[in-house]
């Protein structure tokens, strides 16, 4: 099998390295300087420092039209860019006749679209899908165990992803619920900022557990309203990814919350990361999609207020704890609004 991974960040590099054991893998870097350094050193010193890469991994910086032009000879393209890079990359791949999948987790700024909605708009003829789930790139690159979900409406795409990436250290589970998998991947990043804030304010493990649990309820309400299946959110791309991102020390989004709780500005927090924290860019669009559907997402709204400078950390806590009491399990409201609390 021949696979091209587009995007030489941490996650794209880690997944490409894992696939090298059973496929011919080409990793496309935007920077030719980075591609040359990775080829010579077998390291991604910026994103995965100290973790050796397989010598068989072929790193290039060719223009995308050269990689996906007639006779490209690939069996699978994997888009490993941030959400902001998905649209132009899909446009470049719109004519290919082999499966194209993406790894990014978020909602596109401006359009407010999930990844599959972007694909349907700019490259509707693709056999497409998403690979998602609880996965820190550093651990995957080190060969530590992980499990992911391959979601697509095309059975052949799901089967190909299992064939490409399922192995001794990485389990791949197939799922046809693209909407549910993408909503889980987008919303958990926003919720991780909230739990980072909780931990940074030293509110305790009780508060963190409550926040994660109520965050899962928010995620599920939005996902079902958009057409996803409720059971998806109890799986790897929902609960699994939420637990990892909200509690793991390698989580960029949780780190943003921690730094904001320490008094840093949002820009200072982002500058210190040196990497993209998708939750920062997705929070407002997640909230907007929820409001348009009548879905109640108080934790997400609080994160938006914090990121936009309308609330301070302590005010966010007071706003959440000061909400009126209600039942834990609330049936759908009359008129079809899904999961809105009365």
Protein backbone atom coordinates (compact mmCIF):
# COMPACT_ATOMS: atom_id res chain seq x y z
CA UNK A 1 0.00 0.00 0.00
CA UNK A 2 1.19 3.53 -0.81
CA UNK A 3 0.13 6.34 1.52
CA UNK A 4 0.76 10.08 1.39
CA UNK A 5 0.35 12.05 4.62
CA UNK A 6 0.01 15.80 4.04
CA UNK A 7 1.24 17.78 7.02
CA UNK A 8 4.44 17.14 8.97
CA UNK A 9 3.27 18.33 12.37
CA UNK A 10 3.34 16.08 15.40
CA UNK A 11 0.28 13.96 14.60
CA UNK A 12 0.92 13.63 10.87
CA UNK A 13 4.50 12.59 11.51
CA UNK A 14 3.54 10.10 14.22
CA UNK A 15 0.88 8.41 12.10
CA UNK A 16 3.17 8.30 9.07
CA UNK A 17 5.87 6.66 11.17
CA UNK A 18 3.45 4.01 12.46
CA UNK A 19 2.25 3.18 8.94
CA UNK A 20 5.81 2.75 7.68
CA UNK A 21 5.87 -0.75 9.07
CA UNK A 22 3.39 -2.04 6.50
CA UNK A 23 3.17 0.59 3.73
CA UNK A 24 5.25 2.86 1.53
CA UNK A 25 4.69 6.23 3.19
CA UNK A 26 5.40 9.71 1.87
CA UNK A 27 5.16 12.59 4.34
CA UNK A 28 4.57 16.02 2.80
CA UNK A 29 6.06 18.98 4.69
CA UNK A 30 5.14 22.55 3.84
CA UNK A 31 8.71 23.69 4.46
CA UNK A 32 11.48 22.34 2.25
CA UNK A 33 13.97 23.16 5.00
CA UNK A 34 12.02 20.95 7.39
CA UNK A 35 11.72 18.17 4.79
CA UNK A 36 15.47 18.18 4.19
CA UNK A 37 16.27 18.15 7.91
CA UNK A 38 13.85 15.30 8.58
CA UNK A 39 15.23 13.26 5.70
CA UNK A 40 18.81 13.69 6.86
CA UNK A 41 18.30 13.35 10.61
CA UNK A 42 15.28 11.00 10.73
CA UNK A 43 13.85 13.33 13.37
CA UNK A 44 11.10 15.92 13.61
CA UNK A 45 13.02 18.15 15.98
CA UNK A 46 10.28 20.78 16.32
CA UNK A 47 7.22 18.60 16.89
CA UNK A 48 8.57 15.25 18.16
CA UNK A 49 12.05 15.99 19.53
CA UNK A 50 14.18 13.02 20.44
CA UNK A 51 11.93 10.41 18.80
CA UNK A 52 13.68 8.66 15.89
CA UNK A 53 11.69 8.21 12.70
CA UNK A 54 11.87 5.16 10.42
CA UNK A 55 14.56 5.51 7.76
CA UNK A 56 12.00 4.27 5.21
CA UNK A 57 9.79 7.34 5.77
CA UNK A 58 10.05 9.48 2.63
CA UNK A 59 9.75 13.21 3.44
CA UNK A 60 9.13 15.65 0.58
CA UNK A 61 8.06 19.25 0.02
CA UNK A 62 6.88 18.96 -3.59
CA UNK A 63 3.91 21.14 -4.56
CA UNK A 64 0.68 19.26 -3.90
CA UNK A 65 -0.31 19.12 -7.61
CA UNK A 66 2.81 17.00 -8.23
CA UNK A 67 1.87 14.57 -5.47
CA UNK A 68 -1.70 14.05 -6.58
CA UNK A 69 -1.49 14.61 -10.32
CA UNK A 70 -2.27 11.98 -12.96
CA UNK A 71 -0.38 8.78 -12.30
CA UNK A 72 0.36 9.67 -8.67
CA UNK A 73 0.18 5.96 -7.81
CA UNK A 74 -1.10 6.41 -4.25
CA UNK A 75 -3.72 4.28 -2.51
CA UNK A 76 -4.61 6.71 0.27
CA UNK A 77 -4.18 10.40 1.09
CA UNK A 78 -4.25 11.51 4.74
CA UNK A 79 -4.68 15.21 5.50
CA UNK A 80 -2.85 16.06 8.73
CA UNK A 81 -3.11 19.84 8.60
CA UNK A 82 -4.84 22.00 11.22
CA UNK A 83 -8.50 22.71 10.53
CA UNK A 84 -7.57 25.96 8.81
CA UNK A 85 -5.63 24.05 6.16
CA UNK A 86 -8.33 21.50 5.36
CA UNK A 87 -10.25 23.45 2.71
CA UNK A 88 -7.30 24.33 0.45
CA UNK A 89 -5.90 20.81 0.76
CA UNK A 90 -9.23 19.25 -0.17
CA UNK A 91 -9.44 21.58 -3.14
CA UNK A 92 -6.02 20.34 -4.30
CA UNK A 93 -7.15 16.71 -3.93
CA UNK A 94 -10.66 17.14 -5.32
CA UNK A 95 -9.97 15.14 -8.50
CA UNK A 96 -8.21 12.10 -7.02
CA UNK A 97 -9.90 8.71 -7.31
CA UNK A 98 -8.53 7.10 -4.15
CA UNK A 99 -9.75 7.65 -0.58
CA UNK A 100 -8.92 10.91 1.20
CA UNK A 101 -9.22 11.15 4.98
CA UNK A 102 -8.42 13.84 7.52
CA UNK A 103 -7.10 13.93 11.07
CA UNK A 104 -8.02 17.49 12.06
CA UNK A 105 -10.46 18.05 14.92
CA UNK A 106 -12.46 21.25 14.99
CA UNK A 107 -14.96 23.46 13.23
CA UNK A 108 -13.85 25.76 10.44
CA UNK A 109 -13.70 29.40 11.49
CA UNK A 110 -15.92 31.65 9.42
CA UNK A 111 -18.09 28.99 7.81
CA UNK A 112 -18.82 27.13 11.05
CA UNK A 113 -18.62 23.85 9.14
CA UNK A 114 -17.44 20.46 10.31
CA UNK A 115 -14.78 18.80 8.19
CA UNK A 116 -17.18 16.58 6.24
CA UNK A 117 -19.32 19.63 5.43
CA UNK A 118 -16.26 21.39 4.02
CA UNK A 119 -15.49 18.30 1.93
CA UNK A 120 -19.06 18.07 0.62
CA UNK A 121 -18.81 21.69 -0.47
CA UNK A 122 -15.41 21.74 -2.18
CA UNK A 123 -14.75 18.11 -3.15
CA UNK A 124 -18.11 16.27 -3.15
CA UNK A 125 -16.94 13.40 -5.35
CA UNK A 126 -14.21 12.18 -2.99
CA UNK A 127 -14.38 8.89 -1.15
CA UNK A 128 -13.72 10.52 2.18
CA UNK A 129 -13.55 9.87 5.90
CA UNK A 130 -11.99 10.83 9.23
CA UNK A 131 -9.54 9.12 11.55
CA UNK A 132 -10.00 10.30 15.13
CA UNK A 133 -9.90 9.27 18.77
CA UNK A 134 -7.81 9.61 21.94
CA UNK A 135 -4.24 9.97 20.73
CA UNK A 136 -1.29 12.06 21.83
CA UNK A 137 1.18 12.11 18.94
CA UNK A 138 4.20 11.66 21.18
CA UNK A 139 2.92 8.37 22.63
CA UNK A 140 1.90 7.00 19.22
CA UNK A 141 5.29 7.88 17.76
CA UNK A 142 6.94 5.98 20.63
CA UNK A 143 4.88 2.90 19.81
CA UNK A 144 2.77 3.05 22.96
CA UNK A 145 -0.71 1.48 22.70
CA UNK A 146 -3.60 3.55 21.35
CA UNK A 147 -6.96 3.07 19.65
CA UNK A 148 -8.65 5.19 16.99
CA UNK A 149 -11.92 5.32 15.07
CA UNK A 150 -12.07 5.21 11.26
CA UNK A 151 -15.34 6.87 10.26
CA UNK A 152 -16.77 7.08 6.75
CA UNK A 153 -20.02 6.54 4.93
CA UNK A 154 -18.02 4.34 2.53
CA UNK A 155 -17.34 0.85 3.82
CA UNK A 156 -14.31 0.59 1.53
CA UNK A 157 -12.73 3.66 3.12
CA UNK A 158 -13.22 2.25 6.60
CA UNK A 159 -11.71 -1.07 5.55
CA UNK A 160 -8.73 0.64 3.93
CA UNK A 161 -7.98 2.64 7.08
CA UNK A 162 -8.05 -0.51 9.18
CA UNK A 163 -5.70 -2.19 6.70
CA UNK A 164 -3.36 0.82 6.68
CA UNK A 165 -3.03 1.57 10.38
CA UNK A 166 -4.25 -1.35 12.51
CA UNK A 167 -1.30 -3.10 14.10
CA UNK A 168 0.38 -4.26 17.32
CA UNK A 169 0.41 -0.80 18.94
CA UNK A 170 -2.56 0.85 17.24
CA UNK A 171 -6.10 -0.54 17.09
CA UNK A 172 -8.55 0.86 14.53
CA UNK A 173 -12.30 0.56 15.03
CA UNK A 174 -14.69 1.24 12.13
CA UNK A 175 -17.72 3.53 12.51
CA UNK A 176 -20.17 4.91 9.95
CA UNK A 177 -21.14 7.93 12.11
CA UNK A 178 -18.94 10.67 10.63
CA UNK A 179 -20.96 13.46 12.25
CA UNK A 180 -20.70 12.01 15.74
CA UNK A 181 -16.97 11.34 15.42
CA UNK A 182 -16.28 14.87 14.17
CA UNK A 183 -18.42 16.57 16.82
CA UNK A 184 -16.61 14.64 19.53
CA UNK A 185 -13.24 15.69 18.15
CA UNK A 186 -14.25 19.35 17.93
CA UNK A 187 -16.05 19.84 21.23
CA UNK A 188 -13.58 17.98 23.45
CA UNK A 189 -10.94 20.60 22.64
CA UNK A 190 -13.18 23.37 23.95
CA UNK A 191 -14.00 21.39 27.09
CA UNK A 192 -10.29 20.76 27.70
CA UNK A 193 -9.76 24.51 28.06
CA UNK A 194 -12.44 24.50 30.77
CA UNK A 195 -10.84 21.62 32.67
CA UNK A 196 -7.44 23.28 32.40
CA UNK A 197 -8.99 26.34 34.00
CA UNK A 198 -10.50 24.14 36.71
CA UNK A 199 -7.15 22.52 37.46
CA UNK A 200 -5.31 25.83 37.29
CA UNK A 201 -7.63 27.29 39.90
CA UNK A 202 -7.02 24.21 42.11
CA UNK A 203 -10.74 23.46 42.36
CA UNK A 204 -10.10 19.77 43.01
CA UNK A 205 -10.83 16.40 41.45
CA UNK A 206 -14.53 16.52 42.32
CA UNK A 207 -14.94 19.66 40.23
CA UNK A 208 -12.94 18.19 37.35
CA UNK A 209 -15.08 15.02 37.30
CA UNK A 210 -18.28 17.07 37.30
CA UNK A 211 -16.99 19.29 34.51
CA UNK A 212 -16.00 16.36 32.30
CA UNK A 213 -19.32 14.60 32.86
CA UNK A 214 -21.42 17.67 32.12
CA UNK A 215 -19.17 18.41 29.17
CA UNK A 216 -19.94 14.97 27.75
CA UNK A 217 -23.64 15.81 28.05
CA UNK A 218 -23.08 19.04 26.10
CA UNK A 219 -21.13 17.22 23.41
CA UNK A 220 -23.83 14.57 23.05
CA UNK A 221 -26.66 17.09 22.83
CA UNK A 222 -24.96 18.97 20.02
CA UNK A 223 -23.95 15.83 18.17
CA UNK A 224 -27.44 14.34 18.22
CA UNK A 225 -28.94 17.66 17.12
CA UNK A 226 -26.59 17.64 14.11
CA UNK A 227 -27.56 14.08 13.17
CA UNK A 228 -24.96 12.02 15.05
CA UNK A 229 -25.73 8.91 17.07
CA UNK A 230 -25.81 9.19 20.85
CA UNK A 231 -23.86 5.95 21.33
CA UNK A 232 -20.90 7.36 19.38
CA UNK A 233 -20.22 9.76 22.24
CA UNK A 234 -19.74 6.88 24.65
CA UNK A 235 -16.95 5.54 22.44
CA UNK A 236 -13.36 6.42 21.59
CA UNK A 237 -14.05 9.63 19.68
CA UNK A 238 -16.40 10.91 22.38
CA UNK A 239 -15.75 9.89 25.97
CA UNK A 240 -12.32 8.45 25.18
CA UNK A 241 -10.94 11.56 23.51
CA UNK A 242 -12.65 13.81 26.06
CA UNK A 243 -11.02 12.06 29.03
CA UNK A 244 -7.59 12.12 27.39
CA UNK A 245 -7.70 15.78 26.37
CA UNK A 246 -9.18 17.07 29.60
CA UNK A 247 -6.79 15.23 31.94
CA UNK A 248 -3.55 14.60 30.02
CA UNK A 249 -0.50 16.76 30.60
CA UNK A 250 0.30 16.61 26.86
CA UNK A 251 -3.00 18.33 25.97
CA UNK A 252 -2.43 21.72 24.34
CA UNK A 253 -5.98 22.86 24.96
CA UNK A 254 -5.88 21.94 28.64
CA UNK A 255 -2.58 23.83 28.83
CA UNK A 256 -4.31 26.97 27.54
CA UNK A 257 -6.79 26.78 30.41
CA UNK A 258 -4.01 26.25 32.93
CA UNK A 259 -2.12 29.29 31.69
CA UNK A 260 -5.22 31.50 31.67
CA UNK A 261 -5.90 30.47 35.27
CA UNK A 262 -2.35 31.61 36.11
CA UNK A 263 -3.13 35.09 34.83
CA UNK A 264 -1.58 34.92 31.38
CA UNK A 265 -3.34 36.55 28.46
CA UNK A 266 -4.65 34.37 25.67
CA UNK A 267 -1.88 35.55 23.36
CA UNK A 268 0.78 34.79 25.96
CA UNK A 269 -0.67 31.31 26.42
CA UNK A 270 -0.70 30.60 22.69
CA UNK A 271 2.83 31.97 22.22
CA UNK A 272 4.15 29.69 24.95
CA UNK A 273 2.61 26.60 23.32
CA UNK A 274 4.27 26.98 19.94
CA UNK A 275 1.58 24.70 18.48
CA UNK A 276 -2.03 25.03 17.36
CA UNK A 277 -4.68 24.61 20.09
CA UNK A 278 -7.80 23.95 18.02
CA UNK A 279 -10.19 24.59 20.90
CA UNK A 280 -9.28 28.27 20.90
CA UNK A 281 -10.35 28.62 17.28
CA UNK A 282 -13.37 26.29 17.49
CA UNK A 283 -15.02 27.54 20.68
CA UNK A 284 -17.04 30.38 19.17
CA UNK A 285 -18.16 28.37 16.14
CA UNK A 286 -19.19 25.44 18.38
CA UNK A 287 -21.26 27.83 20.47
CA UNK A 288 -22.82 29.41 17.38
CA UNK A 289 -23.84 26.04 15.94
CA UNK A 290 -25.35 25.09 19.29
CA UNK A 291 -27.32 28.33 19.61
CA UNK A 292 -28.70 28.00 16.07
CA UNK A 293 -30.07 24.57 16.99
CA UNK A 294 -31.40 25.55 20.42
CA UNK A 295 -28.85 23.33 22.19
CA UNK A 296 -27.81 24.38 25.69
CA UNK A 297 -23.99 24.36 26.15
CA UNK A 298 -23.17 26.45 29.24
CA UNK A 299 -19.59 25.20 29.63
CA UNK A 300 -18.80 26.04 26.01
CA UNK A 301 -20.41 29.47 26.40
CA UNK A 302 -18.29 30.11 29.48
CA UNK A 303 -15.11 29.18 27.61
CA UNK A 304 -16.03 31.58 24.78
CA UNK A 305 -16.63 34.38 27.28
CA UNK A 306 -13.22 33.69 28.83
CA UNK A 307 -11.34 33.53 25.51
CA UNK A 308 -12.95 36.74 24.30
CA UNK A 309 -11.98 38.59 27.48
CA UNK A 310 -15.56 39.15 28.68
CA UNK A 311 -15.01 37.07 31.82
CA UNK A 312 -12.17 36.36 34.21
CA UNK A 313 -11.48 32.81 35.45
CA UNK A 314 -13.22 33.30 38.79
CA UNK A 315 -16.26 34.81 37.05
CA UNK A 316 -16.54 31.77 34.80
CA UNK A 317 -16.70 29.53 37.86
CA UNK A 318 -19.37 31.66 39.53
CA UNK A 319 -21.46 31.70 36.35
CA UNK A 320 -21.42 27.90 36.03
CA UNK A 321 -22.06 27.18 39.71
CA UNK A 322 -24.77 29.81 39.91
CA UNK A 323 -27.00 28.23 37.27
CA UNK A 324 -30.50 27.22 38.32
CA UNK A 325 -30.94 23.61 39.54
CA UNK A 326 -32.32 21.07 37.09
CA UNK A 327 -32.58 17.34 36.51
CA UNK A 328 -29.56 15.47 35.22
CA UNK A 329 -31.45 13.67 32.45
CA UNK A 330 -33.82 15.94 30.57
CA UNK A 331 -35.90 14.63 27.65
CA UNK A 332 -35.98 16.49 24.32
CA UNK A 333 -38.01 19.68 24.55
CA UNK A 334 -41.40 19.95 22.81
CA UNK A 335 -41.06 21.06 19.21
CA UNK A 336 -37.97 18.98 18.54
CA UNK A 337 -35.19 21.03 20.16
CA UNK A 338 -32.80 18.31 21.17
CA UNK A 339 -31.55 18.25 24.74
CA UNK A 340 -32.45 21.80 25.66
CA UNK A 341 -33.02 22.17 29.38
CA UNK A 342 -36.30 23.87 30.34
